Amino acid sequence: MNPKNSVITLWSGMIELFLAEITTECITDQKLNYLLRCLVSKAGLTFQEICDSCVKKNTRNYASHLEITTDCNKTLTTYSCGSDPYATATVKYRLDEELKNHEDE
């Protein structure tokens, strides 16, 4: 089960601000999460909101603007960051090809 591409999308409400596709061989999960944080920061956070997102959790100034959430299932993994604007990265796995090969048997 090998991932093929990561589709990165930056949204403001229902409006798509940016779309990119990156081959998963070219980016690590850590860099993908960093990319989502950068896009959200650039698109709509103030300098103070960015600083507040970088301090330790459970401290007075902490804000969760740049937290990464992950949703996984058998065919894809979705990472998301932010509320509005927000960014998502979807990694699709090539299970559809594997299923076709098994159905032919």
C-alpha atoms as a PDB file:
ATOM      1  CA  MET A   1       0.000   0.000   0.000  1.00  0.00           C
ATOM      2  CA  ASN A   2       2.095   2.903  -1.283  1.00  0.00           C
ATOM      3  CA  PRO A   3       0.916   6.507  -1.237  1.00  0.00           C
ATOM      4  CA  LYS A   4       1.222   8.329  -4.527  1.00  0.00           C
ATOM      5  CA  ASN A   5       0.517  12.051  -4.141  1.00  0.00           C
ATOM      6  CA  SER A   6      -0.372  14.570  -1.472  1.00  0.00           C
ATOM      7  CA  VAL A   7      -3.023  17.072  -2.498  1.00  0.00           C
ATOM      8  CA  ILE A   8      -2.639  20.288  -0.518  1.00  0.00           C
ATOM      9  CA  THR A   9      -5.526  22.750  -0.431  1.00  0.00           C
ATOM     10  CA  LEU A  10      -5.844  26.100   1.359  1.00  0.00           C
ATOM     11  CA  TRP A  11      -9.397  27.247   2.070  1.00  0.00           C
ATOM     12  CA  SER A  12     -11.135  30.361   3.328  1.00  0.00           C
ATOM     13  CA  GLY A  13     -14.634  29.196   4.174  1.00  0.00           C
ATOM     14  CA  MET A  14     -15.800  27.395   1.040  1.00  0.00           C
ATOM     15  CA  ILE A  15     -13.425  29.318  -1.253  1.00  0.00           C
ATOM     16  CA  GLU A  16     -10.334  27.473  -2.447  1.00  0.00           C
ATOM     17  CA  LEU A  17      -7.359  29.818  -2.196  1.00  0.00           C
ATOM     18  CA  PHE A  18      -4.585  27.476  -3.270  1.00  0.00           C
ATOM     19  CA  LEU A  19      -4.161  23.938  -4.614  1.00  0.00           C
ATOM     20  CA  ALA A  20      -0.954  21.963  -5.086  1.00  0.00           C
ATOM     21  CA  GLU A  21      -0.012  18.338  -5.630  1.00  0.00           C
ATOM     22  CA  ILE A  22       3.267  16.930  -4.326  1.00  0.00           C
ATOM     23  CA  THR A  23       4.614  13.441  -4.901  1.00  0.00           C
ATOM     24  CA  THR A  24       4.874  11.739  -1.519  1.00  0.00           C
ATOM     25  CA  GLU A  25       8.418  10.626  -2.314  1.00  0.00           C
ATOM     26  CA  CYS A  26       9.410  14.317  -2.264  1.00  0.00           C
ATOM     27  CA  ILE A  27       8.044  15.284   1.167  1.00  0.00           C
ATOM     28  CA  THR A  28       8.046  13.756   4.633  1.00  0.00           C
ATOM     29  CA  ASP A  29       5.037  13.821   6.974  1.00  0.00           C
ATOM     30  CA  GLN A  30       6.897  16.270   9.194  1.00  0.00           C
ATOM     31  CA  LYS A  31       7.524  18.668   6.280  1.00  0.00           C
ATOM     32  CA  LEU A  32       3.926  18.248   5.095  1.00  0.00           C
ATOM     33  CA  ASN A  33       2.664  19.331   8.526  1.00  0.00           C
ATOM     34  CA  TYR A  34       5.109  22.254   8.482  1.00  0.00           C
ATOM     35  CA  LEU A  35       3.824  23.265   5.039  1.00  0.00           C
ATOM     36  CA  LEU A  36       0.214  23.323   6.280  1.00  0.00           C
ATOM     37  CA  ARG A  37       1.210  25.508   9.222  1.00  0.00           C
ATOM     38  CA  CYS A  38       3.085  27.904   6.918  1.00  0.00           C
ATOM     39  CA  LEU A  39       0.127  28.225   4.529  1.00  0.00           C
ATOM     40  CA  VAL A  40      -2.349  28.955   7.324  1.00  0.00           C
ATOM     41  CA  SER A  41       0.059  31.443   8.922  1.00  0.00           C
ATOM     42  CA  LYS A  42       0.666  33.273   5.660  1.00  0.00           C
ATOM     43  CA  ALA A  43      -2.996  33.352   4.657  1.00  0.00           C
ATOM     44  CA  GLY A  44      -4.616  34.702   7.747  1.00  0.00           C
ATOM     45  CA  LEU A  45      -2.863  34.833  11.106  1.00  0.00           C
ATOM     46  CA  THR A  46      -1.439  37.909  12.776  1.00  0.00           C
ATOM     47  CA  PHE A  47       2.091  37.867  14.155  1.00  0.00           C
ATOM     48  CA  GLN A  48       0.670  37.583  17.687  1.00  0.00           C
ATOM     49  CA  GLU A  49      -1.556  34.620  16.717  1.00  0.00           C
ATOM     50  CA  ILE A  50       1.467  32.854  15.247  1.00  0.00           C
ATOM     51  CA  CYS A  51       3.465  33.470  18.440  1.00  0.00           C
ATOM     52  CA  ASP A  52       0.567  32.278  20.611  1.00  0.00           C
ATOM     53  CA  SER A  53       0.359  29.094  18.537  1.00  0.00           C
ATOM     54  CA  CYS A  54       4.014  28.294  19.194  1.00  0.00           C
ATOM     55  CA  VAL A  55       4.082  28.532  22.984  1.00  0.00           C
ATOM     56  CA  LYS A  56       3.651  25.473  25.199  1.00  0.00           C
ATOM     57  CA  LYS A  57       0.175  24.032  25.622  1.00  0.00           C
ATOM     58  CA  ASN A  58      -1.576  24.794  28.899  1.00  0.00           C
ATOM     59  CA  THR A  59       0.159  28.165  29.188  1.00  0.00           C
ATOM     60  CA  ARG A  60      -1.722  31.436  29.394  1.00  0.00           C
ATOM     61  CA  ASN A  61      -1.071  32.655  25.834  1.00  0.00           C
ATOM     62  CA  TYR A  62      -1.441  29.316  24.032  1.00  0.00           C
ATOM     63  CA  ALA A  63      -3.745  29.236  20.986  1.00  0.00           C
ATOM     64  CA  SER A  64      -4.451  26.180  18.845  1.00  0.00           C
ATOM     65  CA  HIS A  65      -4.463  27.964  15.465  1.00  0.00           C
ATOM     66  CA  LEU A  66      -1.675  25.759  14.062  1.00  0.00           C
ATOM     67  CA  GLU A  67      -2.572  22.369  15.540  1.00  0.00           C
ATOM     68  CA  ILE A  68      -2.487  19.480  13.071  1.00  0.00           C
ATOM     69  CA  THR A  69      -5.304  16.934  13.148  1.00  0.00           C
ATOM     70  CA  THR A  70      -5.161  13.605  11.343  1.00  0.00           C
ATOM     71  CA  ASP A  71      -7.941  11.428   9.965  1.00  0.00           C
ATOM     72  CA  CYS A  72      -6.958   8.002   8.606  1.00  0.00           C
ATOM     73  CA  ASN A  73      -8.808   5.208   6.853  1.00  0.00           C
ATOM     74  CA  LYS A  74      -7.863   2.415   4.442  1.00  0.00           C
ATOM     75  CA  THR A  75      -7.698   4.535   1.305  1.00  0.00           C
ATOM     76  CA  LEU A  76      -6.499   7.967   2.438  1.00  0.00           C
ATOM     77  CA  THR A  77      -5.037  10.063   5.220  1.00  0.00           C
ATOM     78  CA  THR A  78      -6.083  13.679   5.700  1.00  0.00           C
ATOM     79  CA  TYR A  79      -4.107  16.218   7.700  1.00  0.00           C
ATOM     80  CA  SER A  80      -5.722  19.547   8.516  1.00  0.00           C
ATOM     81  CA  CYS A  81      -4.619  22.767  10.170  1.00  0.00           C
ATOM     82  CA  GLY A  82      -6.428  25.962  11.155  1.00  0.00           C
ATOM     83  CA  SER A  83     -10.053  27.019  11.280  1.00  0.00           C
ATOM     84  CA  ASP A  84     -10.471  29.907   8.820  1.00  0.00           C
ATOM     85  CA  PRO A  85      -8.363  29.972   6.784  1.00  0.00           C
ATOM     86  CA  TYR A  86      -7.541  26.300   6.998  1.00  0.00           C
ATOM     87  CA  ALA A  87      -5.334  23.948   5.016  1.00  0.00           C
ATOM     88  CA  THR A  88      -5.715  20.247   4.254  1.00  0.00           C
ATOM     89  CA  ALA A  89      -3.374  17.645   2.827  1.00  0.00           C
ATOM     90  CA  THR A  90      -4.877  14.419   1.540  1.00  0.00           C
ATOM     91  CA  VAL A  91      -2.648  11.419   0.850  1.00  0.00           C
ATOM     92  CA  LYS A  92      -4.418   8.803  -1.256  1.00  0.00           C
ATOM     93  CA  TYR A  93      -3.230   5.236  -1.211  1.00  0.00           C
ATOM     94  CA  ARG A  94      -3.354   3.188  -4.400  1.00  0.00           C
ATOM     95  CA  LEU A  95      -5.694   0.559  -2.993  1.00  0.00           C
ATOM     96  CA  ASP A  96      -8.009   0.869  -5.997  1.00  0.00           C
ATOM     97  CA  GLU A  97      -5.344  -0.687  -8.250  1.00  0.00           C
ATOM     98  CA  GLU A  98      -4.653  -3.440  -5.722  1.00  0.00           C
ATOM     99  CA  LEU A  99      -8.378  -4.234  -5.446  1.00  0.00           C
ATOM    100  CA  LYS A 100      -8.706  -4.452  -9.241  1.00  0.00           C
ATOM    101  CA  ASN A 101      -5.816  -6.924  -9.390  1.00  0.00           C
ATOM    102  CA  HIS A 102      -7.455  -9.141  -6.747  1.00  0.00           C
ATOM    103  CA  GLU A 103     -10.891  -8.983  -8.429  1.00  0.00           C
ATOM    104  CA  ASP A 104      -9.399 -10.331 -11.673  1.00  0.00           C
ATOM    105  CA  GLU A 105      -8.152 -13.483  -9.949  1.00  0.00           C
END
